[in-house]
Amino acid sequence: MNNKSFIIFMVLLTVVLAGCQNLTEDPKGNLTPVTYFKTQSDLDAAVAAIYQGFAHDYGFGFTAGSACASYGSDDMTTDPGLNKGDMRQFDELNANSTNASYQEQWTAMWGGIYQANNVIVNYKKVTNSTDALVNAAAGQAYFMRAWCYYNLVRNFGPLPLVLGQLDVDARPARSSVADVYTSIVNDLQTAKSMLPPSVLNQPGIAGQPGKATVNAAKALLTDVYLTMAGWPLNQTSNYALAATEAAPLIGQYTLVSDYLKVYTTNNSTESIFTLQFNVAGKDDMRSFGCSSVPLEEVALNGTSGWDDYYPEINFFKNAPKCKRTDQTFYTTIKLINDDKKTYTLVPWNDTRTNARHPYYKKFRYGLNGDGLTETDSTILTMAPSTNKALDVIRYPMVLLDYAEAIAMSTGPNQASYDAINLVRQRAGLPNLTTGLSATAFRDSVVYERAYEFCGETTAQRWFDIVRLQLLPKIIAQRDPTENPIPAKYVADPSTRYLAPIPLNEMDLNKQWSQNPGY
C-alpha cells in the first residue's frame, strides 16, 4: 500500500472527523506516524480516531461506501437508472477499477489500518497510566486492524501487509491471502489477551458501546475461521477452530424478542460489536431512513425516498413464511395523492411504482423513528440521516456460525440444532428438521443467515456467496427483469468473487497485478 495515499487521506480525515462513537477524547487522535503518545488521553484519542473513520459515507455510514460489493448478492439490487451507477455495476457483476464508491471503502479500511498501526507502534510509550488501561486501548487497535484486513481480503484478495510504519516511498508487494489471514488471526489472538470482557462493567476501560471487547474478538475470530474453511483457502480444519472459539459465547447474550426492534433501537442485548452514529456530530447513519424507501413515496413533511437498495424479486419470493419476513419486507407502497394529504396504497409490483420491487421495512425507521414515521395509510415524516447504530456483530451471527462449524467439523448434534433453533424461534419458525446430513444442515444455516441478515451493510449474505462459491446458483435463480448481467459472467462468474483493485492504487504500485477478470 502506498503511504502517500495514506498521508493525503489522513490530512482530509483530520479536517472531517469529530464526535463519532459518542467519544469525548482529545482530537489529537489524528496523530502522524512519527508522533508518540505521552498520556493515556493521547492514546484514547488515537483509538477514537480509528473508529471515527467509519462513521461517514466513505466508511459504514452509507451503503455506497460499505456495501457496494454486496449488490452482487441476491439480497440487494438498485435502480436501473437514476444516480446509482456505482452500485449498479456490482449488481450487474460488471464493476471496474474506477468505481468511486468502492474506492471509498478501500480508503476507509486502509485509513483504519494506518491509525491502528499508529497505536500499536507507540502504545508502550505511555507511562503515566495503568497496564489495564493501556492494554485495553492497544487491544482495540489490534481488533480494528484485524477487522479492516478481514473486510479488505474478502473483497480484494491478496493485499500488502502493512503492520508498522513505512517510508513514504515504500511500495510493499501484495501478500498471499493465506498470509493475510494469518495476520488477522494473530491480531485477534493478541486482542483477546488485552481487551476487557465487557464495555458495560469496566468504567474507564472501553466503557462505552461501540468499543471492542474480548467477546467481540472471539466472535470475529469465529467468523474468520469459518471463512477460512471456504474459498479461497478451503482449510476445512478451521471449522473445528470456529466451533471452539464460539462455544464460550453461547448463552452470554439474549436475542431481542421482537426482530424489528433490533433495527429501531441501539446497543441491544444481542449486540456484540457496534459502530455508533450521531447526527448532531455530523456522523450520521444514512443506510436507514430514505435509503431503502421507494422513490415515489413522499412523506407529509415533503421528503421522498431514495431508491438506493432493495431485495431482488426472487430473494423476496423465496423468503420463509414467518413473522421475521413480515417485519423485514415492505410490500405495500404509499403513493401521495394530489391533495398532498392522503395516500393511495398499491402493491409493490404495481405499474405505478418506479422499481416494481419490494423494499426493506426494517431499515425504514431508524432509531425510534428518526428515519421514518408512518401509520398504515400515511407517511408522517421521513429523513435521510439517523442515529441508528450499526451492529457489525450480533449474537445471531455467533449462533449460526457455531451451528455450521459444529456440523461441518463433527456432524450436526444437539448443540448445533439448539443454536440455529434459537434464531428460528425468534423468527417465528418451527425447529429445524432433525437427522440432516452435515451438508444439508450447513445449507439450512446459510439459508437462515440469508434472511436473518439480509440487506445489512456488513454483507453477510454476499460473503456466504463468496466463500461457498454460490454465484452460479444465485444467477440461475435471478428474475429476468433484474438489472442485466453480461452474458460472459452468466456463463462463467468465477472472476466476480473479488472486486478490482482501484485504478489509482494500481497506478501507484506498478508491480501489482490486477485481480483476474478486470
Protein backbone atom coordinates (compact mmCIF):
# COMPACT_ATOMS: atom_id res chain seq x y z
CA MET A 1 0.00 0.00 0.00
CA ASN A 2 1.40 3.37 -0.97
CA ASN A 3 1.93 5.59 2.06
CA LYS A 4 1.49 8.81 0.05
CA SER A 5 -2.15 7.83 -0.37
CA PHE A 6 -2.37 7.41 3.39
CA ILE A 7 -0.92 10.86 4.09
CA ILE A 8 -3.31 12.63 1.73
CA PHE A 9 -6.20 10.72 3.21
CA MET A 10 -5.20 11.44 6.79
CA VAL A 11 -4.92 15.19 6.13
CA LEU A 12 -8.51 15.13 4.93
CA LEU A 13 -9.51 12.89 7.82
CA THR A 14 -8.14 15.34 10.33
CA VAL A 15 -10.45 18.00 8.96
CA VAL A 16 -13.69 15.98 8.89
CA LEU A 17 -13.52 13.74 11.96
CA ALA A 18 -15.47 14.85 15.00
CA GLY A 19 -17.73 13.35 17.62
CA CYS A 20 -18.13 9.78 16.31
CA GLN A 21 -18.68 6.84 18.68
CA ASN A 22 -20.04 9.24 21.31
CA LEU A 23 -16.46 9.80 22.41
CA THR A 24 -15.04 12.88 24.09
CA GLU A 25 -11.33 12.22 23.78
CA ASP A 26 -8.88 14.95 22.77
CA PRO A 27 -8.84 15.43 18.97
CA LYS A 28 -5.11 14.77 18.97
CA GLY A 29 -6.24 11.27 17.96
CA ASN A 30 -5.23 12.10 14.39
CA LEU A 31 -1.52 11.75 15.14
CA THR A 32 1.08 11.29 12.46
CA PRO A 33 3.03 8.03 12.39
CA VAL A 34 6.14 9.74 13.76
CA THR A 35 4.38 11.04 16.86
CA TYR A 36 4.22 9.01 20.06
CA PHE A 37 1.80 9.21 22.95
CA LYS A 38 2.69 10.76 26.27
CA THR A 39 -0.56 10.27 28.17
CA GLN A 40 -3.50 7.91 28.36
CA SER A 41 -5.71 10.63 26.90
CA ASP A 42 -3.41 10.80 23.86
CA LEU A 43 -3.74 7.05 23.47
CA ASP A 44 -7.52 7.06 23.92
CA ALA A 45 -7.82 9.84 21.35
CA ALA A 46 -5.83 7.79 18.85
CA VAL A 47 -8.15 4.82 19.40
CA ALA A 48 -11.16 7.08 18.92
CA ALA A 49 -9.71 8.20 15.60
CA ILE A 50 -9.71 4.59 14.36
CA TYR A 51 -13.45 4.31 14.94
CA GLN A 52 -14.22 7.77 13.64
CA GLY A 53 -13.14 6.86 10.15
CA PHE A 54 -16.09 4.51 9.70
CA ALA A 55 -18.97 6.81 10.68
CA HIS A 56 -19.10 8.55 7.32
CA ASP A 57 -20.32 7.78 3.82
CA TYR A 58 -16.87 6.52 2.84
CA GLY A 59 -16.90 4.14 5.82
CA PHE A 60 -20.07 2.45 7.03
CA GLY A 61 -22.41 5.43 7.11
CA PHE A 62 -23.93 4.66 3.71
CA THR A 63 -24.40 1.61 1.50
CA ALA A 64 -22.48 3.09 -1.43
CA GLY A 65 -19.23 3.01 0.54
CA SER A 66 -19.52 -0.03 2.79
CA ALA A 67 -21.70 -2.48 0.88
CA CYS A 68 -21.05 -1.77 -2.77
CA ALA A 69 -19.85 -5.33 -3.49
CA SER A 70 -22.95 -6.69 -1.76
CA TYR A 71 -25.02 -5.60 -4.73
CA GLY A 72 -23.66 -8.70 -6.44
CA SER A 73 -25.75 -10.68 -3.98
CA ASP A 74 -29.44 -11.56 -4.32
CA ASP A 75 -30.48 -9.65 -1.20
CA MET A 76 -29.55 -6.27 -2.73
CA THR A 77 -30.26 -4.58 -6.03
CA THR A 78 -30.70 -0.98 -7.11
CA ASP A 79 -32.43 1.24 -9.63
CA PRO A 80 -31.67 0.64 -13.32
CA GLY A 81 -31.06 4.37 -13.77
CA LEU A 82 -31.00 7.45 -11.55
CA ASN A 83 -27.63 8.14 -9.90
CA LYS A 84 -26.96 4.54 -8.85
CA GLY A 85 -24.21 3.73 -11.35
CA ASP A 86 -21.56 2.63 -8.84
CA MET A 87 -23.93 0.26 -7.05
CA ARG A 88 -25.47 -0.97 -10.30
CA GLN A 89 -22.04 -2.02 -11.61
CA PHE A 90 -21.73 -4.55 -8.82
CA ASP A 91 -25.37 -5.61 -9.14
CA GLU A 92 -24.60 -6.49 -12.76
CA LEU A 93 -21.30 -8.18 -11.74
CA ASN A 94 -19.61 -5.69 -14.04
CA ALA A 95 -17.67 -3.33 -11.76
CA ASN A 96 -14.50 -1.61 -12.89
CA SER A 97 -11.42 -0.25 -11.16
CA THR A 98 -12.59 3.37 -11.38
CA ASN A 99 -15.74 2.77 -9.32
CA ALA A 100 -15.71 5.76 -6.96
CA SER A 101 -17.86 4.25 -4.21
CA TYR A 102 -15.70 1.18 -3.88
CA GLN A 103 -12.62 3.35 -3.78
CA GLU A 104 -14.17 4.86 -0.65
CA GLN A 105 -14.30 1.51 1.13
CA TRP A 106 -10.70 0.74 0.16
CA THR A 107 -9.62 4.13 1.51
CA ALA A 108 -11.61 3.85 4.73
CA MET A 109 -10.18 0.43 5.57
CA TRP A 110 -6.61 1.47 4.89
CA GLY A 111 -7.18 4.60 6.95
CA GLY A 112 -8.26 2.35 9.83
CA ILE A 113 -5.16 0.19 9.44
CA TYR A 114 -2.97 3.30 9.36
CA GLN A 115 -4.47 4.62 12.58
CA ALA A 116 -4.34 1.21 14.26
CA ASN A 117 -0.66 0.85 13.39
CA ASN A 118 -0.04 4.25 14.95
CA VAL A 119 -1.42 2.94 18.25
CA ILE A 120 0.27 -0.46 18.06
CA VAL A 121 3.71 1.01 17.37
CA ASN A 122 3.50 3.66 20.09
CA TYR A 123 1.22 2.50 22.92
CA LYS A 124 4.04 1.18 25.12
CA LYS A 125 5.49 4.69 25.34
CA VAL A 126 2.62 5.77 27.63
CA THR A 127 4.00 5.67 31.16
CA ASN A 128 1.55 7.64 33.28
CA SER A 129 -1.29 5.09 33.17
CA THR A 130 -2.16 1.56 34.28
CA ASP A 131 -1.40 -1.60 32.32
CA ALA A 132 -5.12 -2.37 32.13
CA LEU A 133 -5.98 0.95 30.51
CA VAL A 134 -3.05 0.90 28.11
CA ASN A 135 -3.65 -2.70 27.09
CA ALA A 136 -7.37 -2.10 26.57
CA ALA A 137 -6.55 0.70 24.14
CA ALA A 138 -3.95 -1.36 22.30
CA GLY A 139 -6.30 -4.33 22.15
CA GLN A 140 -8.85 -2.24 20.30
CA ALA A 141 -6.19 -1.27 17.77
CA TYR A 142 -5.32 -4.92 17.16
CA PHE A 143 -9.01 -5.77 16.83
CA MET A 144 -9.70 -2.96 14.39
CA ARG A 145 -6.63 -3.74 12.28
CA ALA A 146 -7.84 -7.33 12.01
CA TRP A 147 -11.37 -6.22 11.15
CA CYS A 148 -10.12 -3.86 8.44
CA TYR A 149 -7.92 -6.52 6.89
CA TYR A 150 -10.80 -9.02 7.08
CA ASN A 151 -13.01 -6.68 5.08
CA LEU A 152 -10.26 -5.99 2.57
CA VAL A 153 -9.09 -9.56 1.97
CA ARG A 154 -12.61 -10.87 1.39
CA ASN A 155 -13.24 -8.13 -1.15
CA PHE A 156 -9.86 -7.74 -2.85
CA GLY A 157 -7.86 -10.92 -2.23
CA PRO A 158 -4.04 -10.56 -1.86
CA LEU A 159 -3.00 -7.40 -0.02
CA PRO A 160 0.15 -5.66 1.20
CA LEU A 161 0.69 -6.47 4.85
CA VAL A 162 1.40 -3.13 6.49
CA LEU A 163 1.92 -3.87 10.18
CA GLY A 164 4.06 -0.92 11.16
CA GLN A 165 5.35 2.39 9.90
CA LEU A 166 6.58 2.68 6.32
CA ASP A 167 8.83 5.07 4.49
CA VAL A 168 6.76 7.42 2.35
CA ASP A 169 8.22 5.91 -0.83
CA ALA A 170 7.69 2.27 0.18
CA ARG A 171 5.91 0.03 -2.34
CA PRO A 172 5.13 -3.22 -0.49
CA ALA A 173 4.07 -6.21 -2.55
CA ARG A 174 0.68 -7.86 -2.19
CA SER A 175 0.94 -10.77 0.25
CA SER A 176 -0.95 -14.00 -0.28
CA VAL A 177 -4.48 -14.46 1.05
CA ALA A 178 -3.14 -17.13 3.42
CA ASP A 179 -0.58 -14.73 4.87
CA VAL A 180 -3.20 -12.01 5.32
CA TYR A 181 -5.44 -14.41 7.21
CA THR A 182 -2.52 -15.49 9.39
CA SER A 183 -2.00 -11.85 10.33
CA ILE A 184 -5.73 -11.40 11.06
CA VAL A 185 -5.77 -14.42 13.35
CA ASN A 186 -2.62 -13.26 15.15
CA ASP A 187 -4.09 -9.79 15.71
CA LEU A 188 -7.33 -11.22 17.10
CA GLN A 189 -5.49 -13.59 19.40
CA THR A 190 -3.49 -10.63 20.68
CA ALA A 191 -6.66 -8.56 21.06
CA LYS A 192 -8.25 -11.34 23.12
CA SER A 193 -5.37 -11.18 25.57
CA MET A 194 -5.66 -7.40 26.02
CA LEU A 195 -9.33 -6.43 25.76
CA PRO A 196 -11.76 -6.24 28.68
CA PRO A 197 -14.62 -8.76 28.90
CA SER A 198 -17.37 -6.15 28.73
CA VAL A 199 -17.89 -2.49 27.90
CA LEU A 200 -20.65 -2.31 30.49
CA ASN A 201 -18.87 -3.26 33.70
CA GLN A 202 -15.47 -1.70 33.11
CA PRO A 203 -15.80 2.08 33.51
CA GLY A 204 -12.76 3.78 32.07
CA ILE A 205 -11.76 0.67 30.12
CA ALA A 206 -13.58 0.67 26.78
CA GLY A 207 -16.52 1.80 28.87
CA GLN A 208 -18.82 2.86 26.05
CA PRO A 209 -20.85 0.97 23.46
CA GLY A 210 -19.02 0.87 20.18
CA LYS A 211 -15.66 -0.23 21.51
CA ALA A 212 -14.29 -3.73 21.07
CA THR A 213 -14.26 -6.28 23.89
CA VAL A 214 -12.76 -9.74 24.26
CA ASN A 215 -16.13 -11.20 23.22
CA ALA A 216 -16.07 -9.14 20.04
CA ALA A 217 -12.62 -10.54 19.27
CA LYS A 218 -13.83 -14.10 19.89
CA ALA A 219 -16.91 -13.58 17.72
CA LEU A 220 -14.91 -12.06 14.88
CA LEU A 221 -12.31 -14.83 15.10
CA THR A 222 -15.12 -17.38 14.88
CA ASP A 223 -16.28 -15.82 11.62
CA VAL A 224 -12.72 -15.59 10.31
CA TYR A 225 -12.12 -19.30 10.91
CA LEU A 226 -15.42 -20.16 9.23
CA THR A 227 -14.45 -18.09 6.19
CA MET A 228 -11.00 -19.69 6.05
CA ALA A 229 -12.71 -23.08 5.79
CA GLY A 230 -14.26 -21.96 2.49
CA TRP A 231 -12.99 -20.39 -0.72
CA PRO A 232 -10.27 -19.49 -1.50
CA LEU A 233 -8.26 -21.22 1.26
CA ASN A 234 -10.60 -24.20 1.77
CA GLN A 235 -8.88 -25.04 5.05
CA THR A 236 -11.67 -27.25 6.40
CA SER A 237 -9.80 -27.89 9.67
CA ASN A 238 -10.80 -24.36 10.62
CA TYR A 239 -14.41 -25.44 11.12
CA ALA A 240 -13.38 -27.03 14.41
CA LEU A 241 -11.47 -23.91 15.44
CA ALA A 242 -14.54 -21.79 14.71
CA ALA A 243 -16.71 -24.02 16.89
CA THR A 244 -14.20 -23.89 19.73
CA GLU A 245 -13.92 -20.11 19.53
CA ALA A 246 -17.68 -19.58 19.57
CA ALA A 247 -18.56 -22.04 22.32
CA PRO A 248 -17.79 -19.74 25.31
CA LEU A 249 -20.07 -17.05 23.86
CA ILE A 250 -23.15 -19.24 23.71
CA GLY A 251 -25.59 -18.17 26.41
CA GLN A 252 -23.82 -14.90 27.21
CA TYR A 253 -26.25 -12.87 25.09
CA THR A 254 -30.01 -12.81 24.62
CA LEU A 255 -31.90 -12.35 21.37
CA VAL A 256 -34.27 -9.38 21.31
CA SER A 257 -37.74 -10.95 21.37
CA ASP A 258 -39.08 -8.72 18.59
CA TYR A 259 -36.88 -8.88 15.46
CA LEU A 260 -37.90 -5.42 14.21
CA LYS A 261 -36.68 -3.79 17.43
CA VAL A 262 -33.13 -4.82 16.52
CA TYR A 263 -33.37 -2.19 13.78
CA THR A 264 -35.13 0.55 15.73
CA THR A 265 -33.03 0.54 18.93
CA ASN A 266 -29.32 0.78 19.70
CA ASN A 267 -26.94 -1.50 21.59
CA SER A 268 -29.41 -4.26 22.38
CA THR A 269 -28.94 -7.47 24.35
CA GLU A 270 -27.70 -9.19 21.18
CA SER A 271 -25.20 -6.50 20.15
CA ILE A 272 -21.60 -7.73 20.41
CA PHE A 273 -19.80 -5.05 18.41
CA THR A 274 -21.41 -1.89 17.04
CA LEU A 275 -20.41 1.29 15.29
CA GLN A 276 -22.08 4.36 16.76
CA PHE A 277 -23.52 7.29 14.79
CA ASN A 278 -24.56 10.78 15.82
CA VAL A 279 -26.41 13.18 13.53
CA ALA A 280 -25.63 16.18 15.74
CA GLY A 281 -21.93 15.35 15.45
CA LYS A 282 -22.26 15.03 11.66
CA ASP A 283 -21.62 11.31 11.94
CA ASP A 284 -24.98 10.18 10.58
CA MET A 285 -26.16 6.75 9.51
CA ARG A 286 -27.77 7.04 6.07
CA SER A 287 -28.47 3.40 5.24
CA PHE A 288 -31.66 3.77 7.28
CA GLY A 289 -34.47 6.22 6.56
CA CYS A 290 -34.71 7.42 2.95
CA SER A 291 -32.16 4.99 1.52
CA SER A 292 -34.42 1.92 1.22
CA VAL A 293 -37.64 3.85 0.65
CA PRO A 294 -39.32 3.91 -2.79
CA LEU A 295 -38.56 6.94 -4.92
CA GLU A 296 -42.26 7.66 -5.33
CA GLU A 297 -43.04 7.63 -1.61
CA VAL A 298 -43.27 11.17 -0.22
CA ALA A 299 -43.90 11.99 3.44
CA LEU A 300 -46.19 14.74 4.65
CA ASN A 301 -43.05 16.70 5.52
CA GLY A 302 -42.13 16.71 1.81
CA THR A 303 -39.16 14.31 1.95
CA SER A 304 -39.10 11.44 -0.55
CA GLY A 305 -37.37 8.08 -0.83
CA TRP A 306 -34.02 7.47 -2.50
CA ASP A 307 -34.41 4.01 -4.08
CA ASP A 308 -30.81 3.11 -3.23
CA TYR A 309 -31.31 -0.55 -2.39
CA TYR A 310 -33.94 -3.25 -2.06
CA PRO A 311 -34.04 -7.05 -2.40
CA GLU A 312 -34.16 -8.90 -5.67
CA ILE A 313 -37.64 -10.17 -6.50
CA ASN A 314 -36.91 -13.89 -6.19
CA PHE A 315 -34.96 -13.43 -2.98
CA PHE A 316 -38.13 -11.92 -1.55
CA LYS A 317 -40.35 -14.63 -3.01
CA ASN A 318 -38.14 -17.39 -1.59
CA ALA A 319 -38.28 -16.00 1.96
CA PRO A 320 -39.73 -18.25 4.66
CA LYS A 321 -43.30 -17.57 5.75
CA CYS A 322 -42.83 -16.16 9.23
CA LYS A 323 -43.04 -13.07 11.44
CA ARG A 324 -39.45 -12.10 10.64
CA THR A 325 -40.27 -11.99 6.93
CA ASP A 326 -43.28 -9.77 7.62
CA GLN A 327 -41.06 -7.43 9.63
CA THR A 328 -38.25 -7.50 7.06
CA PHE A 329 -40.02 -6.63 3.81
CA TYR A 330 -42.16 -3.67 2.81
CA THR A 331 -44.68 -4.66 0.14
CA THR A 332 -47.43 -2.01 0.06
CA ILE A 333 -46.34 1.29 -1.48
CA LYS A 334 -47.94 4.55 -0.33
CA LEU A 335 -48.47 6.98 -3.23
CA ILE A 336 -49.30 10.51 -2.12
CA ASN A 337 -52.37 11.96 -3.79
CA ASP A 338 -52.66 15.35 -5.47
CA ASP A 339 -54.07 16.85 -2.27
CA LYS A 340 -50.66 16.17 -0.62
CA LYS A 341 -52.54 14.90 2.45
CA THR A 342 -53.83 11.43 1.63
CA TYR A 343 -52.34 8.32 0.05
CA THR A 344 -53.28 5.58 -2.36
CA LEU A 345 -51.93 2.18 -1.35
CA VAL A 346 -50.69 -0.14 -4.13
CA PRO A 347 -48.78 -3.47 -4.17
CA TRP A 348 -45.05 -3.44 -4.77
CA ASN A 349 -45.37 -4.70 -8.36
CA ASP A 350 -47.99 -2.15 -9.41
CA THR A 351 -47.21 -0.34 -12.68
CA ARG A 352 -47.46 2.98 -10.86
CA THR A 353 -44.34 2.19 -8.85
CA ASN A 354 -40.87 3.08 -10.10
CA ALA A 355 -38.92 -0.09 -9.30
CA ARG A 356 -41.68 -2.72 -9.06
CA HIS A 357 -39.79 -4.37 -6.25
CA PRO A 358 -40.47 -4.98 -2.59
CA TYR A 359 -38.37 -2.93 -0.16
CA TYR A 360 -36.83 -3.37 3.29
CA LYS A 361 -39.20 -2.41 6.06
CA LYS A 362 -36.61 -2.98 8.78
CA PHE A 363 -34.39 -0.14 7.50
CA ARG A 364 -37.14 2.48 7.15
CA TYR A 365 -37.49 3.66 10.70
CA GLY A 366 -34.02 4.30 12.06
CA LEU A 367 -33.56 4.89 15.79
CA ASN A 368 -37.02 5.17 17.36
CA GLY A 369 -38.41 6.62 14.13
CA ASP A 370 -35.78 9.27 13.39
CA GLY A 371 -35.69 7.89 9.85
CA LEU A 372 -39.38 7.50 9.06
CA THR A 373 -42.67 7.59 10.96
CA GLU A 374 -45.89 6.28 9.47
CA THR A 375 -49.32 4.79 10.04
CA ASP A 376 -50.92 2.06 7.97
CA SER A 377 -52.13 4.67 5.48
CA THR A 378 -49.90 7.74 5.91
CA ILE A 379 -46.20 8.62 5.94
CA LEU A 380 -45.83 11.37 8.50
CA THR A 381 -42.12 12.20 8.39
CA MET A 382 -39.03 10.99 6.59
CA ALA A 383 -35.33 11.87 6.96
CA PRO A 384 -32.11 10.62 5.33
CA SER A 385 -29.87 10.90 8.40
CA THR A 386 -30.36 8.79 11.51
CA ASN A 387 -28.68 7.99 14.82
CA LYS A 388 -29.08 4.25 14.30
CA ALA A 389 -26.05 2.27 15.41
CA LEU A 390 -24.70 -0.40 13.07
CA ASP A 391 -24.46 -3.87 14.58
CA VAL A 392 -21.31 -5.23 12.98
CA ILE A 393 -21.55 -8.38 15.09
CA ARG A 394 -24.83 -9.60 16.55
CA TYR A 395 -25.43 -12.73 18.62
CA PRO A 396 -27.32 -14.48 15.78
CA MET A 397 -24.09 -14.40 13.76
CA VAL A 398 -22.31 -16.29 16.52
CA LEU A 399 -25.17 -18.79 16.88
CA LEU A 400 -25.29 -19.55 13.17
CA ASP A 401 -21.51 -19.65 12.78
CA TYR A 402 -21.35 -22.04 15.73
CA ALA A 403 -24.09 -24.26 14.33
CA GLU A 404 -22.43 -24.52 10.93
CA ALA A 405 -18.95 -25.02 12.36
CA ILE A 406 -20.08 -27.95 14.51
CA ALA A 407 -21.97 -29.58 11.67
CA MET A 408 -19.05 -29.31 9.26
CA SER A 409 -16.43 -30.50 11.75
CA THR A 410 -18.08 -33.31 13.72
CA GLY A 411 -21.57 -33.53 12.23
CA PRO A 412 -24.82 -31.96 13.43
CA ASN A 413 -25.50 -32.52 17.13
CA GLN A 414 -27.89 -31.16 19.73
CA ALA A 415 -25.78 -28.05 20.32
CA SER A 416 -25.82 -27.17 16.63
CA TYR A 417 -29.59 -27.65 16.43
CA ASP A 418 -30.11 -25.62 19.59
CA ALA A 419 -28.10 -22.74 18.14
CA ILE A 420 -29.95 -22.46 14.84
CA ASN A 421 -33.30 -23.06 16.53
CA LEU A 422 -32.83 -20.03 18.77
CA VAL A 423 -32.67 -17.88 15.64
CA ARG A 424 -35.59 -19.70 14.00
CA GLN A 425 -37.79 -19.45 17.08
CA ARG A 426 -37.32 -15.68 17.27
CA ALA A 427 -38.23 -15.51 13.59
CA GLY A 428 -41.46 -17.41 14.25
CA LEU A 429 -40.33 -20.60 12.52
CA PRO A 430 -40.54 -24.21 13.73
CA ASN A 431 -37.40 -26.01 14.82
CA LEU A 432 -35.18 -27.32 12.05
CA THR A 433 -35.84 -30.87 10.87
CA THR A 434 -33.57 -33.32 12.68
CA GLY A 435 -31.42 -36.00 11.12
CA LEU A 436 -29.88 -33.80 8.43
CA SER A 437 -26.52 -34.56 6.87
CA ALA A 438 -23.69 -32.13 7.52
CA THR A 439 -24.06 -30.52 4.08
CA ALA A 440 -27.85 -30.26 4.34
CA PHE A 441 -27.51 -28.73 7.79
CA ARG A 442 -24.95 -26.21 6.51
CA ASP A 443 -27.26 -25.26 3.66
CA SER A 444 -30.06 -24.69 6.18
CA VAL A 445 -27.78 -22.40 8.19
CA VAL A 446 -26.79 -20.45 5.07
CA TYR A 447 -30.47 -20.03 4.16
CA GLU A 448 -31.25 -18.87 7.71
CA ARG A 449 -28.37 -16.42 7.68
CA ALA A 450 -29.55 -15.01 4.35
CA TYR A 451 -32.84 -13.84 5.84
CA GLU A 452 -31.63 -13.01 9.33
CA PHE A 453 -29.05 -10.54 7.96
CA CYS A 454 -30.44 -9.64 4.53
CA GLY A 455 -29.67 -6.18 3.22
CA GLU A 456 -27.25 -5.34 6.03
CA THR A 457 -24.14 -3.37 5.14
CA THR A 458 -21.99 -5.96 6.92
CA ALA A 459 -22.60 -8.03 3.73
CA GLN A 460 -23.12 -11.38 5.42
CA ARG A 461 -25.12 -12.75 2.50
CA TRP A 462 -22.53 -11.72 -0.06
CA PHE A 463 -19.65 -13.23 1.88
CA ASP A 464 -21.55 -16.52 2.20
CA ILE A 465 -21.96 -16.48 -1.58
CA VAL A 466 -18.22 -15.88 -1.95
CA ARG A 467 -16.87 -18.47 0.48
CA LEU A 468 -19.25 -21.16 -0.80
CA GLN A 469 -18.96 -20.16 -4.48
CA LEU A 470 -22.72 -19.79 -4.91
CA LEU A 471 -22.87 -17.30 -7.80
CA PRO A 472 -23.94 -19.84 -10.46
CA LYS A 473 -26.90 -20.85 -8.30
CA ILE A 474 -27.77 -17.24 -7.45
CA ILE A 475 -27.62 -16.15 -11.10
CA ALA A 476 -29.78 -19.09 -12.20
CA GLN A 477 -32.48 -18.05 -9.73
CA ARG A 478 -32.42 -14.37 -10.76
CA ASP A 479 -35.63 -12.88 -12.12
CA PRO A 480 -35.16 -11.84 -15.78
CA THR A 481 -36.44 -8.33 -15.03
CA GLU A 482 -33.48 -7.54 -12.74
CA ASN A 483 -30.58 -5.38 -13.95
CA PRO A 484 -28.91 -7.43 -16.71
CA ILE A 485 -25.69 -9.36 -16.09
CA PRO A 486 -23.38 -9.58 -19.14
CA ALA A 487 -23.64 -12.98 -20.82
CA LYS A 488 -19.95 -13.79 -20.25
CA TYR A 489 -20.42 -13.55 -16.48
CA VAL A 490 -23.61 -15.57 -16.57
CA ALA A 491 -21.65 -18.29 -18.36
CA ASP A 492 -18.62 -18.00 -16.06
CA PRO A 493 -18.89 -15.87 -12.91
CA SER A 494 -15.67 -17.24 -11.41
CA THR A 495 -13.82 -13.90 -11.57
CA ARG A 496 -16.66 -11.97 -9.90
CA TYR A 497 -15.98 -13.07 -6.33
CA LEU A 498 -13.29 -10.40 -5.92
CA ALA A 499 -13.54 -6.70 -6.68
CA PRO A 500 -10.97 -4.86 -8.79
CA ILE A 501 -8.14 -3.04 -7.06
CA PRO A 502 -8.83 0.70 -7.50
CA LEU A 503 -7.08 2.09 -10.57
CA ASN A 504 -5.26 4.86 -8.70
CA GLU A 505 -3.65 2.25 -6.43
CA MET A 506 -2.61 0.17 -9.43
CA ASP A 507 -1.03 3.28 -10.97
CA LEU A 508 0.94 3.97 -7.80
CA ASN A 509 2.04 0.36 -7.34
CA LYS A 510 3.25 -0.74 -10.76
CA GLN A 511 4.49 -4.10 -9.50
CA TRP A 512 0.96 -5.21 -8.57
CA SER A 513 -1.15 -7.34 -10.90
CA GLN A 514 -4.85 -6.52 -11.16
CA ASN A 515 -7.30 -9.17 -9.97
CA PRO A 516 -8.24 -11.66 -12.71
CA GLY A 517 -11.05 -10.57 -14.98
CA TYR A 518 -10.52 -6.82 -14.61
